[in-house]
Amino acid sequence: MATATFDTLKYADTLEAAGFSREQAKAQASALSDALEVNLKDLATKADLRELELRMTVKLGAMLAAAVGIGLALAKILW
């Protein structure tokens, strides 16, 4: 699973330098860190995308084979 880091201390220090109180900055950093952590779990990885691509390729091949088979059967019936 992919991981990303979020420097809460640096973020809080930046907010504090911009005029937030220390408590406000820490609360903001904590809330943003929690929100990012939840969203990172929902991201697709490159491996997920490769697997999806393979499954879609197999399904497309099966549909193409079925269409050719149906086309050949119709051609045989009509001729």
C-alpha atoms as a PDB file:
ATOM      1  CA  MET A   1       0.000   0.000   0.000  1.00  0.00           C
ATOM      2  CA  ALA A   2       1.280   3.457  -0.838  1.00  0.00           C
ATOM      3  CA  THR A   3       2.119   5.736   2.020  1.00  0.00           C
ATOM      4  CA  ALA A   4       2.619   9.458   2.219  1.00  0.00           C
ATOM      5  CA  THR A   5       3.890  11.477   5.109  1.00  0.00           C
ATOM      6  CA  PHE A   6       2.458  14.692   6.445  1.00  0.00           C
ATOM      7  CA  ASP A   7       4.658  16.768   8.722  1.00  0.00           C
ATOM      8  CA  THR A   8       2.156  17.962  11.328  1.00  0.00           C
ATOM      9  CA  LEU A   9       4.794  19.873  13.296  1.00  0.00           C
ATOM     10  CA  LYS A  10       5.923  21.861  10.254  1.00  0.00           C
ATOM     11  CA  TYR A  11       2.291  22.561   9.337  1.00  0.00           C
ATOM     12  CA  ALA A  12       1.477  23.698  12.885  1.00  0.00           C
ATOM     13  CA  ASP A  13       4.590  25.889  12.977  1.00  0.00           C
ATOM     14  CA  THR A  14       3.594  27.487   9.682  1.00  0.00           C
ATOM     15  CA  LEU A  15       0.109  28.224  10.987  1.00  0.00           C
ATOM     16  CA  GLU A  16       1.523  29.613  14.215  1.00  0.00           C
ATOM     17  CA  ALA A  17       3.884  31.879  12.270  1.00  0.00           C
ATOM     18  CA  ALA A  18       0.864  33.147  10.322  1.00  0.00           C
ATOM     19  CA  GLY A  19      -0.910  34.187  13.517  1.00  0.00           C
ATOM     20  CA  PHE A  20      -2.769  31.124  14.758  1.00  0.00           C
ATOM     21  CA  SER A  21      -2.457  30.293  18.436  1.00  0.00           C
ATOM     22  CA  ARG A  22      -0.429  27.175  19.269  1.00  0.00           C
ATOM     23  CA  GLU A  23      -3.604  25.307  20.253  1.00  0.00           C
ATOM     24  CA  GLN A  24      -5.370  26.269  17.014  1.00  0.00           C
ATOM     25  CA  ALA A  25      -2.356  25.275  14.929  1.00  0.00           C
ATOM     26  CA  LYS A  26      -2.063  21.886  16.659  1.00  0.00           C
ATOM     27  CA  ALA A  27      -5.791  21.219  16.242  1.00  0.00           C
ATOM     28  CA  GLN A  28      -5.663  22.122  12.547  1.00  0.00           C
ATOM     29  CA  ALA A  29      -2.604  19.907  11.997  1.00  0.00           C
ATOM     30  CA  SER A  30      -4.235  16.989  13.777  1.00  0.00           C
ATOM     31  CA  ALA A  31      -7.513  17.346  11.874  1.00  0.00           C
ATOM     32  CA  LEU A  32      -5.776  17.596   8.500  1.00  0.00           C
ATOM     33  CA  SER A  33      -3.545  14.633   9.287  1.00  0.00           C
ATOM     34  CA  ASP A  34      -6.587  12.514  10.155  1.00  0.00           C
ATOM     35  CA  ALA A  35      -8.396  13.579   6.971  1.00  0.00           C
ATOM     36  CA  LEU A  36      -5.417  12.779   4.778  1.00  0.00           C
ATOM     37  CA  GLU A  37      -4.912   9.396   6.413  1.00  0.00           C
ATOM     38  CA  VAL A  38      -8.486   8.331   5.685  1.00  0.00           C
ATOM     39  CA  ASN A  39      -8.292   9.501   2.068  1.00  0.00           C
ATOM     40  CA  LEU A  40      -4.966   7.773   1.393  1.00  0.00           C
ATOM     41  CA  LYS A  41      -6.587   4.425   2.149  1.00  0.00           C
ATOM     42  CA  ASP A  42      -9.044   4.997  -0.681  1.00  0.00           C
ATOM     43  CA  LEU A  43      -6.436   5.708  -3.373  1.00  0.00           C
ATOM     44  CA  ALA A  44      -5.713   3.181  -6.090  1.00  0.00           C
ATOM     45  CA  THR A  45      -2.124   2.041  -6.408  1.00  0.00           C
ATOM     46  CA  LYS A  46      -0.291   1.357  -9.658  1.00  0.00           C
ATOM     47  CA  ALA A  47      -0.724  -2.355  -8.970  1.00  0.00           C
ATOM     48  CA  ASP A  48      -4.483  -1.833  -8.581  1.00  0.00           C
ATOM     49  CA  LEU A  49      -4.615  -0.058 -11.934  1.00  0.00           C
ATOM     50  CA  ARG A  50      -2.540  -2.774 -13.662  1.00  0.00           C
ATOM     51  CA  GLU A  51      -4.881  -5.441 -12.294  1.00  0.00           C
ATOM     52  CA  LEU A  52      -7.920  -3.499 -13.491  1.00  0.00           C
ATOM     53  CA  GLU A  53      -6.354  -3.040 -16.925  1.00  0.00           C
ATOM     54  CA  LEU A  54      -5.706  -6.783 -17.203  1.00  0.00           C
ATOM     55  CA  ARG A  55      -9.261  -7.667 -16.171  1.00  0.00           C
ATOM     56  CA  MET A  56     -10.715  -5.184 -18.656  1.00  0.00           C
ATOM     57  CA  THR A  57      -8.480  -6.525 -21.437  1.00  0.00           C
ATOM     58  CA  VAL A  58      -9.612 -10.095 -20.759  1.00  0.00           C
ATOM     59  CA  LYS A  59     -13.272  -9.056 -20.712  1.00  0.00           C
ATOM     60  CA  LEU A  60     -12.891  -7.066 -23.934  1.00  0.00           C
ATOM     61  CA  GLY A  61     -11.235 -10.064 -25.593  1.00  0.00           C
ATOM     62  CA  ALA A  62     -14.081 -12.321 -24.488  1.00  0.00           C
ATOM     63  CA  MET A  63     -16.679  -9.875 -25.830  1.00  0.00           C
ATOM     64  CA  LEU A  64     -14.812  -9.590 -29.132  1.00  0.00           C
ATOM     65  CA  ALA A  65     -14.616 -13.379 -29.470  1.00  0.00           C
ATOM     66  CA  ALA A  66     -18.332 -13.666 -28.731  1.00  0.00           C
ATOM     67  CA  ALA A  67     -19.163 -10.975 -31.291  1.00  0.00           C
ATOM     68  CA  VAL A  68     -17.085 -12.717 -33.967  1.00  0.00           C
ATOM     69  CA  GLY A  69     -18.771 -16.033 -33.141  1.00  0.00           C
ATOM     70  CA  ILE A  70     -22.220 -14.492 -33.375  1.00  0.00           C
ATOM     71  CA  GLY A  71     -21.288 -12.783 -36.622  1.00  0.00           C
ATOM     72  CA  LEU A  72     -20.025 -16.040 -38.146  1.00  0.00           C
ATOM     73  CA  ALA A  73     -23.160 -17.887 -37.015  1.00  0.00           C
ATOM     74  CA  LEU A  74     -25.401 -15.237 -38.562  1.00  0.00           C
ATOM     75  CA  ALA A  75     -23.383 -15.288 -41.761  1.00  0.00           C
ATOM     76  CA  LYS A  76     -23.754 -19.075 -41.991  1.00  0.00           C
ATOM     77  CA  ILE A  77     -27.511 -18.824 -41.421  1.00  0.00           C
ATOM     78  CA  LEU A  78     -28.023 -16.033 -43.934  1.00  0.00           C
ATOM     79  CA  TRP A  79     -25.910 -17.560 -46.695  1.00  0.00           C
END
